Amino acid sequence: MQSLTEAVSAYFTTLGTRELLWIAIGFAGQFLFMMRFLWQWIQSERQQRSIIPIAFWYFSLAGGVTLFAYAVHRLDPVFIAGQSLGLTVYTRNLLLIRREKQIGIPPRMDES
């Protein structure tokens, strides 16, 4: 019986350069998306309360765009739909934050 490591290695040897690049893009998107939770956790621990820092929304948008591109490449309608909704939410939150800054509303403590 083949070990998991051998099976993964065998799978990757069957892929071309273009497909390996897309897999790398997918992993980069997952990394960016994961960073939003890590950053939120770090900031919450620093302030000893649950907060959502502005970087959360930037990591969400960057990870979402990258994962959306990967989903389109894979032609995965479920993944495409899920990322599309998320991108709308992340963009809207950043626009709301920007508008608050433009009209002079003082930043909240959770915008680290």
N, C-alpha and C. Protein backbone atom coordinates (compact mmCIF):
# COMPACT_ATOMS: atom_id res chain seq x y z
N MET A 1 0.83 -1.18 0.00
CA MET A 1 0.00 0.00 0.00
C MET A 1 0.88 1.25 0.00
N GLN A 2 0.45 2.22 -0.77
CA GLN A 2 1.21 3.45 -0.95
C GLN A 2 0.98 4.39 0.24
N SER A 3 2.08 5.01 0.72
CA SER A 3 1.93 5.97 1.81
C SER A 3 1.34 7.27 1.26
N LEU A 4 0.85 8.08 2.15
CA LEU A 4 0.27 9.36 1.75
C LEU A 4 1.32 10.23 1.05
N THR A 5 2.51 10.26 1.57
CA THR A 5 3.59 11.04 0.97
C THR A 5 3.87 10.57 -0.46
N GLU A 6 3.93 9.26 -0.65
CA GLU A 6 4.17 8.72 -1.99
C GLU A 6 3.02 9.05 -2.94
N ALA A 7 1.79 8.99 -2.44
CA ALA A 7 0.63 9.30 -3.27
C ALA A 7 0.62 10.76 -3.69
N VAL A 8 0.93 11.65 -2.76
CA VAL A 8 0.97 13.08 -3.07
C VAL A 8 2.09 13.35 -4.06
N SER A 9 3.24 12.76 -3.83
CA SER A 9 4.37 12.93 -4.74
C SER A 9 4.04 12.43 -6.15
N ALA A 10 3.39 11.29 -6.23
CA ALA A 10 3.00 10.73 -7.53
C ALA A 10 2.01 11.66 -8.23
N TYR A 11 1.08 12.22 -7.48
CA TYR A 11 0.10 13.14 -8.06
C TYR A 11 0.79 14.37 -8.66
N PHE A 12 1.70 14.98 -7.90
CA PHE A 12 2.35 16.20 -8.37
C PHE A 12 3.25 15.96 -9.58
N THR A 13 3.79 14.77 -9.71
CA THR A 13 4.64 14.49 -10.87
C THR A 13 3.81 14.39 -12.15
N THR A 14 2.50 14.21 -12.03
CA THR A 14 1.65 14.13 -13.22
C THR A 14 1.21 15.51 -13.71
N LEU A 15 1.48 16.55 -12.94
CA LEU A 15 1.00 17.89 -13.29
C LEU A 15 2.03 18.67 -14.09
N GLY A 16 1.52 19.50 -14.96
CA GLY A 16 2.39 20.39 -15.73
C GLY A 16 2.70 21.65 -14.95
N THR A 17 3.59 22.46 -15.51
CA THR A 17 4.02 23.69 -14.86
C THR A 17 2.86 24.64 -14.63
N ARG A 18 1.98 24.77 -15.60
CA ARG A 18 0.84 25.69 -15.48
C ARG A 18 -0.08 25.27 -14.32
N GLU A 19 -0.36 23.98 -14.22
CA GLU A 19 -1.23 23.51 -13.14
C GLU A 19 -0.55 23.65 -11.79
N LEU A 20 0.75 23.42 -11.72
CA LEU A 20 1.49 23.62 -10.47
C LEU A 20 1.44 25.09 -10.04
N LEU A 21 1.52 26.00 -11.02
CA LEU A 21 1.42 27.43 -10.72
C LEU A 21 0.05 27.75 -10.13
N TRP A 22 -1.02 27.18 -10.70
CA TRP A 22 -2.36 27.43 -10.18
C TRP A 22 -2.55 26.85 -8.78
N ILE A 23 -1.93 25.73 -8.52
CA ILE A 23 -2.00 25.16 -7.17
C ILE A 23 -1.28 26.08 -6.19
N ALA A 24 -0.14 26.64 -6.61
CA ALA A 24 0.58 27.60 -5.77
C ALA A 24 -0.28 28.84 -5.52
N ILE A 25 -0.98 29.32 -6.53
CA ILE A 25 -1.88 30.46 -6.37
C ILE A 25 -3.00 30.12 -5.37
N GLY A 26 -3.55 28.93 -5.47
CA GLY A 26 -4.58 28.49 -4.54
C GLY A 26 -4.07 28.46 -3.10
N PHE A 27 -2.88 27.92 -2.91
CA PHE A 27 -2.31 27.89 -1.56
C PHE A 27 -2.00 29.30 -1.06
N ALA A 28 -1.56 30.19 -1.94
CA ALA A 28 -1.29 31.58 -1.54
C ALA A 28 -2.59 32.24 -1.07
N GLY A 29 -3.66 32.00 -1.79
CA GLY A 29 -4.96 32.54 -1.38
C GLY A 29 -5.39 32.00 -0.03
N GLN A 30 -5.21 30.70 0.18
CA GLN A 30 -5.56 30.10 1.47
C GLN A 30 -4.72 30.69 2.60
N PHE A 31 -3.43 30.96 2.31
CA PHE A 31 -2.54 31.56 3.31
C PHE A 31 -3.03 32.96 3.68
N LEU A 32 -3.34 33.77 2.67
CA LEU A 32 -3.83 35.12 2.93
C LEU A 32 -5.14 35.09 3.72
N PHE A 33 -6.01 34.19 3.34
CA PHE A 33 -7.29 34.06 4.02
C PHE A 33 -7.08 33.64 5.47
N MET A 34 -6.14 32.74 5.72
CA MET A 34 -5.84 32.28 7.07
C MET A 34 -5.23 33.41 7.91
N MET A 35 -4.46 34.29 7.27
CA MET A 35 -3.80 35.38 7.98
C MET A 35 -4.81 36.33 8.62
N ARG A 36 -6.00 36.45 8.02
CA ARG A 36 -6.98 37.36 8.62
C ARG A 36 -7.39 36.87 10.00
N PHE A 37 -7.55 35.57 10.16
CA PHE A 37 -7.91 35.04 11.48
C PHE A 37 -6.75 35.15 12.46
N LEU A 38 -5.55 34.88 11.98
CA LEU A 38 -4.38 34.98 12.85
C LEU A 38 -4.20 36.42 13.32
N TRP A 39 -4.31 37.39 12.40
CA TRP A 39 -4.14 38.80 12.76
C TRP A 39 -5.24 39.25 13.72
N GLN A 40 -6.46 38.82 13.48
CA GLN A 40 -7.57 39.18 14.36
C GLN A 40 -7.31 38.63 15.76
N TRP A 41 -6.83 37.42 15.84
CA TRP A 41 -6.53 36.80 17.13
C TRP A 41 -5.43 37.57 17.87
N ILE A 42 -4.36 37.89 17.14
CA ILE A 42 -3.24 38.63 17.74
C ILE A 42 -3.71 39.97 18.29
N GLN A 43 -4.48 40.71 17.49
CA GLN A 43 -4.96 42.02 17.93
C GLN A 43 -5.93 41.90 19.11
N SER A 44 -6.77 40.90 19.09
CA SER A 44 -7.70 40.69 20.20
C SER A 44 -6.93 40.36 21.49
N GLU A 45 -5.90 39.53 21.38
CA GLU A 45 -5.09 39.21 22.55
C GLU A 45 -4.38 40.44 23.08
N ARG A 46 -3.89 41.28 22.20
CA ARG A 46 -3.20 42.50 22.63
C ARG A 46 -4.13 43.42 23.41
N GLN A 47 -5.38 43.51 22.96
CA GLN A 47 -6.34 44.41 23.62
C GLN A 47 -7.20 43.70 24.67
N GLN A 48 -7.01 42.39 24.79
CA GLN A 48 -7.75 41.59 25.77
C GLN A 48 -9.26 41.69 25.59
N ARG A 49 -9.68 41.81 24.33
CA ARG A 49 -11.10 41.79 23.97
C ARG A 49 -11.20 41.45 22.50
N SER A 50 -12.34 40.97 22.08
CA SER A 50 -12.52 40.58 20.68
C SER A 50 -12.71 41.81 19.80
N ILE A 51 -11.85 41.95 18.80
CA ILE A 51 -11.94 43.07 17.86
C ILE A 51 -11.77 42.56 16.43
N ILE A 52 -12.15 43.41 15.48
CA ILE A 52 -11.90 43.11 14.07
C ILE A 52 -11.07 44.27 13.51
N PRO A 53 -9.76 44.07 13.39
CA PRO A 53 -8.90 45.14 12.87
C PRO A 53 -9.11 45.33 11.36
N ILE A 54 -8.77 46.52 10.85
CA ILE A 54 -8.95 46.81 9.43
C ILE A 54 -8.14 45.84 8.57
N ALA A 55 -7.00 45.37 9.06
CA ALA A 55 -6.20 44.41 8.30
C ALA A 55 -6.97 43.12 8.04
N PHE A 56 -7.91 42.79 8.90
CA PHE A 56 -8.76 41.62 8.69
C PHE A 56 -9.46 41.72 7.34
N TRP A 57 -9.98 42.91 7.04
CA TRP A 57 -10.72 43.11 5.78
C TRP A 57 -9.78 43.10 4.58
N TYR A 58 -8.56 43.64 4.75
CA TYR A 58 -7.60 43.60 3.63
C TYR A 58 -7.12 42.17 3.36
N PHE A 59 -6.83 41.42 4.41
CA PHE A 59 -6.46 40.01 4.21
C PHE A 59 -7.62 39.24 3.59
N SER A 60 -8.84 39.54 4.04
CA SER A 60 -10.02 38.87 3.48
C SER A 60 -10.14 39.15 1.99
N LEU A 61 -9.98 40.41 1.61
CA LEU A 61 -10.10 40.79 0.20
C LEU A 61 -8.99 40.17 -0.64
N ALA A 62 -7.74 40.24 -0.15
CA ALA A 62 -6.62 39.66 -0.90
C ALA A 62 -6.77 38.15 -1.05
N GLY A 63 -7.11 37.48 0.03
CA GLY A 63 -7.31 36.03 -0.03
C GLY A 63 -8.50 35.68 -0.89
N GLY A 64 -9.58 36.45 -0.77
CA GLY A 64 -10.79 36.20 -1.56
C GLY A 64 -10.57 36.36 -3.05
N VAL A 65 -9.85 37.41 -3.44
CA VAL A 65 -9.56 37.62 -4.87
C VAL A 65 -8.70 36.49 -5.41
N THR A 66 -7.69 36.10 -4.65
CA THR A 66 -6.81 35.02 -5.08
C THR A 66 -7.57 33.70 -5.19
N LEU A 67 -8.38 33.40 -4.19
CA LEU A 67 -9.17 32.17 -4.23
C LEU A 67 -10.24 32.21 -5.31
N PHE A 68 -10.80 33.39 -5.58
CA PHE A 68 -11.77 33.53 -6.65
C PHE A 68 -11.12 33.20 -8.00
N ALA A 69 -9.92 33.73 -8.23
CA ALA A 69 -9.19 33.43 -9.47
C ALA A 69 -8.93 31.93 -9.59
N TYR A 70 -8.54 31.32 -8.50
CA TYR A 70 -8.29 29.88 -8.49
C TYR A 70 -9.59 29.11 -8.79
N ALA A 71 -10.69 29.54 -8.19
CA ALA A 71 -11.99 28.88 -8.41
C ALA A 71 -12.44 29.01 -9.86
N VAL A 72 -12.21 30.17 -10.46
CA VAL A 72 -12.56 30.37 -11.87
C VAL A 72 -11.71 29.45 -12.73
N HIS A 73 -10.42 29.37 -12.42
CA HIS A 73 -9.54 28.47 -13.17
C HIS A 73 -10.04 27.03 -13.09
N ARG A 74 -10.51 26.63 -11.92
CA ARG A 74 -11.01 25.26 -11.71
C ARG A 74 -12.44 25.07 -12.23
N LEU A 75 -13.08 26.18 -12.60
CA LEU A 75 -14.47 26.15 -13.07
C LEU A 75 -15.39 25.51 -12.04
N ASP A 76 -15.21 25.91 -10.79
CA ASP A 76 -15.98 25.36 -9.68
C ASP A 76 -17.08 26.36 -9.30
N PRO A 77 -18.32 26.10 -9.73
CA PRO A 77 -19.39 27.08 -9.49
C PRO A 77 -19.71 27.31 -8.01
N VAL A 78 -19.54 26.30 -7.18
CA VAL A 78 -19.82 26.45 -5.75
C VAL A 78 -18.78 27.37 -5.12
N PHE A 79 -17.53 27.13 -5.44
CA PHE A 79 -16.42 27.92 -4.92
C PHE A 79 -16.51 29.36 -5.45
N ILE A 80 -16.85 29.53 -6.73
CA ILE A 80 -16.98 30.85 -7.34
C ILE A 80 -18.09 31.64 -6.64
N ALA A 81 -19.24 31.02 -6.43
CA ALA A 81 -20.36 31.70 -5.78
C ALA A 81 -20.00 32.10 -4.34
N GLY A 82 -19.37 31.20 -3.63
CA GLY A 82 -18.99 31.49 -2.25
C GLY A 82 -18.01 32.65 -2.14
N GLN A 83 -17.02 32.67 -2.99
CA GLN A 83 -16.03 33.74 -2.97
C GLN A 83 -16.63 35.06 -3.44
N SER A 84 -17.56 35.01 -4.39
CA SER A 84 -18.19 36.23 -4.90
C SER A 84 -18.93 36.97 -3.78
N LEU A 85 -19.69 36.25 -3.01
CA LEU A 85 -20.42 36.87 -1.90
C LEU A 85 -19.44 37.46 -0.89
N GLY A 86 -18.42 36.71 -0.55
CA GLY A 86 -17.42 37.20 0.40
C GLY A 86 -16.75 38.46 -0.09
N LEU A 87 -16.37 38.51 -1.36
CA LEU A 87 -15.71 39.70 -1.91
C LEU A 87 -16.59 40.92 -1.80
N THR A 88 -17.89 40.74 -1.98
CA THR A 88 -18.83 41.84 -1.84
C THR A 88 -18.83 42.38 -0.41
N VAL A 89 -18.85 41.49 0.56
CA VAL A 89 -18.85 41.88 1.97
C VAL A 89 -17.55 42.58 2.35
N TYR A 90 -16.41 42.02 1.94
CA TYR A 90 -15.11 42.60 2.30
C TYR A 90 -14.95 43.98 1.69
N THR A 91 -15.34 44.12 0.43
CA THR A 91 -15.23 45.41 -0.25
C THR A 91 -16.14 46.44 0.42
N ARG A 92 -17.35 46.05 0.73
CA ARG A 92 -18.29 46.98 1.36
C ARG A 92 -17.78 47.44 2.72
N ASN A 93 -17.23 46.55 3.51
CA ASN A 93 -16.70 46.96 4.81
C ASN A 93 -15.55 47.94 4.66
N LEU A 94 -14.67 47.71 3.69
CA LEU A 94 -13.56 48.65 3.47
C LEU A 94 -14.06 50.00 2.99
N LEU A 95 -15.09 50.01 2.15
CA LEU A 95 -15.68 51.28 1.69
C LEU A 95 -16.34 52.04 2.85
N LEU A 96 -17.01 51.32 3.72
CA LEU A 96 -17.63 51.97 4.89
C LEU A 96 -16.56 52.58 5.81
N ILE A 97 -15.48 51.86 6.02
CA ILE A 97 -14.38 52.37 6.85
C ILE A 97 -13.76 53.59 6.21
N ARG A 98 -13.55 53.54 4.89
CA ARG A 98 -12.97 54.68 4.17
C ARG A 98 -13.88 55.90 4.26
N ARG A 99 -15.19 55.69 4.12
CA ARG A 99 -16.13 56.80 4.19
C ARG A 99 -16.10 57.44 5.57
N GLU A 100 -16.03 56.62 6.62
CA GLU A 100 -15.94 57.16 7.97
C GLU A 100 -14.71 58.04 8.14
N LYS A 101 -13.59 57.61 7.58
CA LYS A 101 -12.36 58.39 7.68
C LYS A 101 -12.49 59.70 6.92
N GLN A 102 -13.14 59.67 5.75
CA GLN A 102 -13.28 60.88 4.93
C GLN A 102 -14.18 61.93 5.59
N ILE A 103 -15.21 61.49 6.29
CA ILE A 103 -16.10 62.46 6.92
C ILE A 103 -15.69 62.81 8.34
N GLY A 104 -14.59 62.22 8.78
CA GLY A 104 -14.01 62.60 10.05
C GLY A 104 -14.55 61.90 11.28
N ILE A 105 -15.17 60.77 11.11
CA ILE A 105 -15.61 60.00 12.28
C ILE A 105 -14.36 59.41 12.92
N PRO A 106 -14.14 59.64 14.21
CA PRO A 106 -12.93 59.12 14.84
C PRO A 106 -12.86 57.60 14.77
N PRO A 107 -11.67 57.05 14.55
CA PRO A 107 -11.53 55.60 14.46
C PRO A 107 -11.90 54.92 15.78
N ARG A 108 -12.51 53.77 15.66
CA ARG A 108 -12.83 52.97 16.85
C ARG A 108 -11.57 52.24 17.31
N MET A 109 -11.61 51.74 18.50
CA MET A 109 -10.46 51.03 19.06
C MET A 109 -10.18 49.73 18.30
N ASP A 110 -11.13 49.22 17.55
CA ASP A 110 -10.92 47.93 16.89
C ASP A 110 -10.35 48.08 15.49
N GLU A 111 -9.84 49.24 15.13
CA GLU A 111 -9.25 49.44 13.80
C GLU A 111 -7.74 49.49 13.89
N SER A 112 -7.13 48.45 14.33
CA SER A 112 -5.67 48.38 14.46
C SER A 112 -5.08 47.83 13.20
